[in-house]
Amino acid sequence: MMNKLAQLLVTLVIAFVSTTVFSSEINSCDINTMMQTIQHQPHLQKFKQEKNIKVLANPLTSFGYLLLANQEAVVWQTTQPIKSTTVISPNNFRQYNKKDQLMTMPANTSNQTSQLVSSTFLSILSGTIDQLNDNFEVSTSCSETEWHISLIPNNNDILRLLQKIDITGNIQINQLNFVETNQDITQISFTPTDDSTIKNQLRSYLAN
């Protein structure tokens, strides 16, 4: 079950890509300034995820959309190769299969760990530094074109799942890299989109 939770965290904890020019406001390399920038990212994103597993020659690649709703909930939908949808809020998460049927979580799922997964995910996407400071050692570095945030877990539950989270961005987050404790690596990048049809379709999961 812990492996499933690890996959969920790695799959869901995701962010955004932008081709905009580096902002001079971030030159200070201040973490609070970075978090404020993240809070203003577009709420609807396309994503591409590549998961590198040590025993496989080629990465597992998937595509889909993410919707951040009012900084309070996230809808993450994989469209290729197989449709699946996850809804995350501060108190719980729900998963739907390719037929949009709600999947029942196993009875032995840890509520505490599930809450930690959800809160970590929302903290990264919404730019909430307080929650990250509680569970990670946070460090930053900057160049002329981008900033970098490194998160090293100091929470034992997270340490069983992840070794490190790296976030790279400029005006908004460009890329997230997740290194699991077994050394599998997941790289996720996002492209902002304003497709109203997709946005409304994802919002329908929040009403369920």
Protein backbone atom coordinates (compact mmCIF):
# COMPACT_ATOMS: atom_id res chain seq x y z
CA MET A 1 0.00 0.00 0.00
CA MET A 2 2.88 2.35 0.74
CA ASN A 3 4.10 1.84 -2.82
CA LYS A 4 0.66 2.89 -4.11
CA LEU A 5 0.79 6.02 -2.00
CA ALA A 6 4.28 6.74 -3.28
CA GLN A 7 3.07 6.44 -6.85
CA LEU A 8 0.11 8.69 -6.06
CA LEU A 9 2.30 11.38 -4.55
CA VAL A 10 4.81 11.20 -7.38
CA THR A 11 2.05 11.16 -10.00
CA LEU A 12 0.00 13.93 -8.46
CA VAL A 13 2.43 16.31 -7.00
CA ILE A 14 2.76 18.25 -10.10
CA ALA A 15 3.41 21.83 -11.49
CA PHE A 16 3.49 24.17 -14.42
CA VAL A 17 5.67 25.09 -17.42
CA SER A 18 6.04 28.57 -18.92
CA THR A 19 8.08 30.05 -21.78
CA THR A 20 7.86 33.59 -20.45
CA VAL A 21 10.90 35.76 -19.72
CA PHE A 22 12.56 35.59 -16.30
CA SER A 23 11.18 38.20 -13.90
CA SER A 24 13.55 40.61 -12.20
CA GLU A 25 11.34 40.37 -9.13
CA ILE A 26 12.71 36.86 -8.49
CA ASN A 27 16.37 37.85 -8.69
CA SER A 28 16.49 37.98 -4.90
CA CYS A 29 16.07 34.19 -4.88
CA ASP A 30 13.69 34.62 -1.98
CA ILE A 31 11.47 31.58 -1.34
CA ASN A 32 8.50 33.70 -0.28
CA THR A 33 8.67 35.68 -3.54
CA MET A 34 8.79 32.43 -5.49
CA MET A 35 5.74 31.10 -3.67
CA GLN A 36 3.83 34.31 -4.37
CA THR A 37 4.65 33.90 -8.06
CA ILE A 38 3.38 30.31 -8.05
CA GLN A 39 0.08 31.47 -6.57
CA HIS A 40 -0.65 33.42 -9.76
CA GLN A 41 -0.06 30.59 -12.24
CA PRO A 42 -2.77 29.68 -14.78
CA HIS A 43 -5.17 27.20 -13.20
CA LEU A 44 -5.55 24.90 -16.22
CA GLN A 45 -2.48 23.06 -17.53
CA LYS A 46 -1.56 20.32 -19.95
CA PHE A 47 1.01 17.92 -18.55
CA LYS A 48 3.57 15.44 -19.80
CA GLN A 49 4.97 12.93 -17.33
CA GLU A 50 7.95 10.64 -17.82
CA LYS A 51 8.61 8.03 -15.16
CA ASN A 52 12.02 6.38 -15.29
CA ILE A 53 11.98 2.98 -13.58
CA LYS A 54 15.32 1.29 -13.03
CA VAL A 55 14.24 -2.11 -14.37
CA LEU A 56 12.79 -0.64 -17.59
CA ALA A 57 14.82 0.47 -20.61
CA ASN A 58 12.40 3.25 -21.60
CA PRO A 59 10.42 5.70 -19.46
CA LEU A 60 6.67 5.39 -18.99
CA THR A 61 5.09 8.45 -20.59
CA SER A 62 1.62 9.85 -19.95
CA PHE A 63 -0.30 13.00 -20.89
CA GLY A 64 -3.30 14.85 -19.55
CA TYR A 65 -4.67 17.94 -17.81
CA LEU A 66 -4.60 19.50 -14.37
CA LEU A 67 -7.05 22.00 -12.91
CA LEU A 68 -6.35 23.94 -9.70
CA ALA A 69 -9.66 25.17 -8.31
CA ASN A 70 -9.43 28.29 -6.11
CA GLN A 71 -6.21 27.04 -4.48
CA GLU A 72 -8.36 24.53 -2.55
CA ALA A 73 -8.69 21.45 -4.76
CA VAL A 74 -6.94 19.84 -7.70
CA VAL A 75 -8.34 17.70 -10.51
CA TRP A 76 -5.64 15.62 -12.21
CA GLN A 77 -6.74 13.73 -15.31
CA THR A 78 -4.56 11.41 -17.35
CA THR A 79 -5.89 11.10 -20.91
CA GLN A 80 -3.14 8.94 -22.46
CA PRO A 81 -2.37 6.08 -22.47
CA ILE A 82 -5.35 5.28 -20.18
CA LYS A 83 -7.87 7.74 -18.81
CA SER A 84 -7.97 8.14 -15.04
CA THR A 85 -8.95 11.06 -12.82
CA THR A 86 -7.97 12.04 -9.29
CA VAL A 87 -9.53 14.81 -7.21
CA ILE A 88 -7.50 16.10 -4.26
CA SER A 89 -8.68 18.42 -1.50
CA PRO A 90 -7.14 19.21 1.91
CA ASN A 91 -9.13 16.45 3.61
CA ASN A 92 -9.34 13.62 1.06
CA PHE A 93 -8.80 12.42 -2.47
CA ARG A 94 -11.00 10.49 -4.89
CA GLN A 95 -10.00 8.38 -7.87
CA TYR A 96 -12.08 7.56 -10.96
CA ASN A 97 -11.39 4.92 -13.60
CA LYS A 98 -11.58 5.33 -17.40
CA LYS A 99 -15.39 4.98 -17.23
CA ASP A 100 -15.57 7.73 -14.59
CA GLN A 101 -16.58 5.23 -11.93
CA LEU A 102 -15.46 6.07 -8.41
CA MET A 103 -12.78 3.67 -7.20
CA THR A 104 -12.94 2.47 -3.60
CA MET A 105 -9.73 2.95 -1.66
CA PRO A 106 -8.38 -0.14 0.16
CA ALA A 107 -9.53 -0.52 3.75
CA ASN A 108 -5.95 -0.39 5.08
CA THR A 109 -5.20 3.00 3.54
CA SER A 110 -3.59 5.25 6.16
CA ASN A 111 -5.72 8.35 6.69
CA GLN A 112 -2.75 10.20 8.12
CA THR A 113 -0.54 9.43 5.14
CA SER A 114 -3.34 10.22 2.71
CA GLN A 115 -3.80 13.60 4.37
CA LEU A 116 -0.07 14.22 4.13
CA VAL A 117 -0.08 13.35 0.43
CA SER A 118 -2.97 15.74 -0.21
CA SER A 119 -1.57 18.63 1.81
CA THR A 120 1.88 18.35 0.25
CA PHE A 121 0.41 18.34 -3.25
CA LEU A 122 -1.78 21.36 -2.60
CA SER A 123 1.06 23.25 -0.91
CA ILE A 124 3.30 22.93 -3.95
CA LEU A 125 0.61 23.88 -6.45
CA SER A 126 -0.82 26.76 -4.41
CA GLY A 127 2.54 28.16 -3.30
CA THR A 128 1.98 27.66 0.44
CA ILE A 129 5.39 27.69 2.07
CA ASP A 130 4.27 27.01 5.66
CA GLN A 131 3.20 23.43 4.96
CA LEU A 132 6.38 22.71 3.03
CA ASN A 133 8.54 24.08 5.86
CA ASP A 134 6.83 21.67 8.26
CA ASN A 135 7.79 18.56 6.28
CA PHE A 136 10.83 19.50 4.17
CA GLU A 137 14.21 21.17 4.33
CA VAL A 138 13.80 23.91 1.72
CA SER A 139 16.73 25.42 -0.20
CA THR A 140 16.89 27.72 -3.23
CA SER A 141 19.31 28.77 -5.95
CA CYS A 142 18.98 31.13 -8.92
CA SER A 143 20.57 31.91 -12.27
CA GLU A 144 19.87 34.72 -14.72
CA THR A 145 17.10 32.70 -16.39
CA GLU A 146 15.48 30.54 -13.71
CA TRP A 147 15.11 29.69 -10.05
CA HIS A 148 15.39 26.32 -8.37
CA ILE A 149 13.77 24.98 -5.20
CA SER A 150 14.98 21.78 -3.56
CA LEU A 151 12.79 19.94 -1.04
CA ILE A 152 14.42 17.28 1.16
CA PRO A 153 11.89 15.47 3.39
CA ASN A 154 12.35 15.61 7.14
CA ASN A 155 9.08 13.77 7.79
CA ASN A 156 9.51 10.01 8.28
CA ASP A 157 6.32 9.13 6.40
CA ILE A 158 7.43 11.11 3.36
CA LEU A 159 10.97 9.73 3.62
CA ARG A 160 9.58 6.26 3.08
CA LEU A 161 8.18 7.47 -0.23
CA LEU A 162 10.49 10.18 -1.56
CA GLN A 163 14.12 11.14 -1.35
CA LYS A 164 13.91 14.56 -2.99
CA ILE A 165 11.68 16.97 -4.92
CA ASP A 166 13.26 19.49 -7.31
CA ILE A 167 11.26 22.43 -8.67
CA THR A 168 12.54 24.64 -11.50
CA GLY A 169 10.82 27.78 -12.78
CA ASN A 170 10.90 31.44 -13.78
CA ILE A 171 7.59 33.32 -13.88
CA GLN A 172 5.96 30.04 -12.86
CA ILE A 173 7.08 26.47 -12.26
CA ASN A 174 8.57 24.87 -15.36
CA GLN A 175 9.39 21.38 -14.19
CA LEU A 176 9.15 19.02 -11.25
CA ASN A 177 11.51 16.10 -10.64
CA PHE A 178 10.73 13.48 -8.01
CA VAL A 179 13.35 11.02 -6.80
CA GLU A 180 11.79 8.09 -4.94
CA THR A 181 13.56 6.13 -2.24
CA ASN A 182 14.05 3.27 -4.71
CA GLN A 183 15.78 5.75 -7.11
CA ASP A 184 12.97 5.77 -9.67
CA ILE A 185 12.67 9.29 -11.11
CA THR A 186 9.58 11.08 -12.37
CA GLN A 187 9.80 14.26 -14.45
CA ILE A 188 6.65 16.33 -15.02
CA SER A 189 6.24 19.45 -17.14
CA PHE A 190 3.18 21.57 -17.86
CA THR A 191 1.93 23.97 -20.53
CA PRO A 192 -0.76 26.55 -19.69
CA THR A 193 -3.97 26.26 -21.68
CA ASP A 194 -7.30 28.07 -21.66
CA ASP A 195 -9.55 25.40 -23.16
CA SER A 196 -12.98 26.18 -21.70
CA THR A 197 -14.37 22.77 -22.70
CA ILE A 198 -11.64 20.92 -20.78
CA LYS A 199 -11.94 23.32 -17.86
CA ASN A 200 -15.69 22.74 -17.51
CA GLN A 201 -15.26 19.00 -17.88
CA LEU A 202 -12.72 18.87 -15.06
CA ARG A 203 -14.81 21.16 -12.87
CA SER A 204 -17.67 18.64 -13.05
CA TYR A 205 -15.61 16.29 -10.83
CA LEU A 206 -15.62 18.88 -8.04
CA ALA A 207 -19.40 18.72 -7.85
CA ASN A 208 -19.44 14.96 -7.21
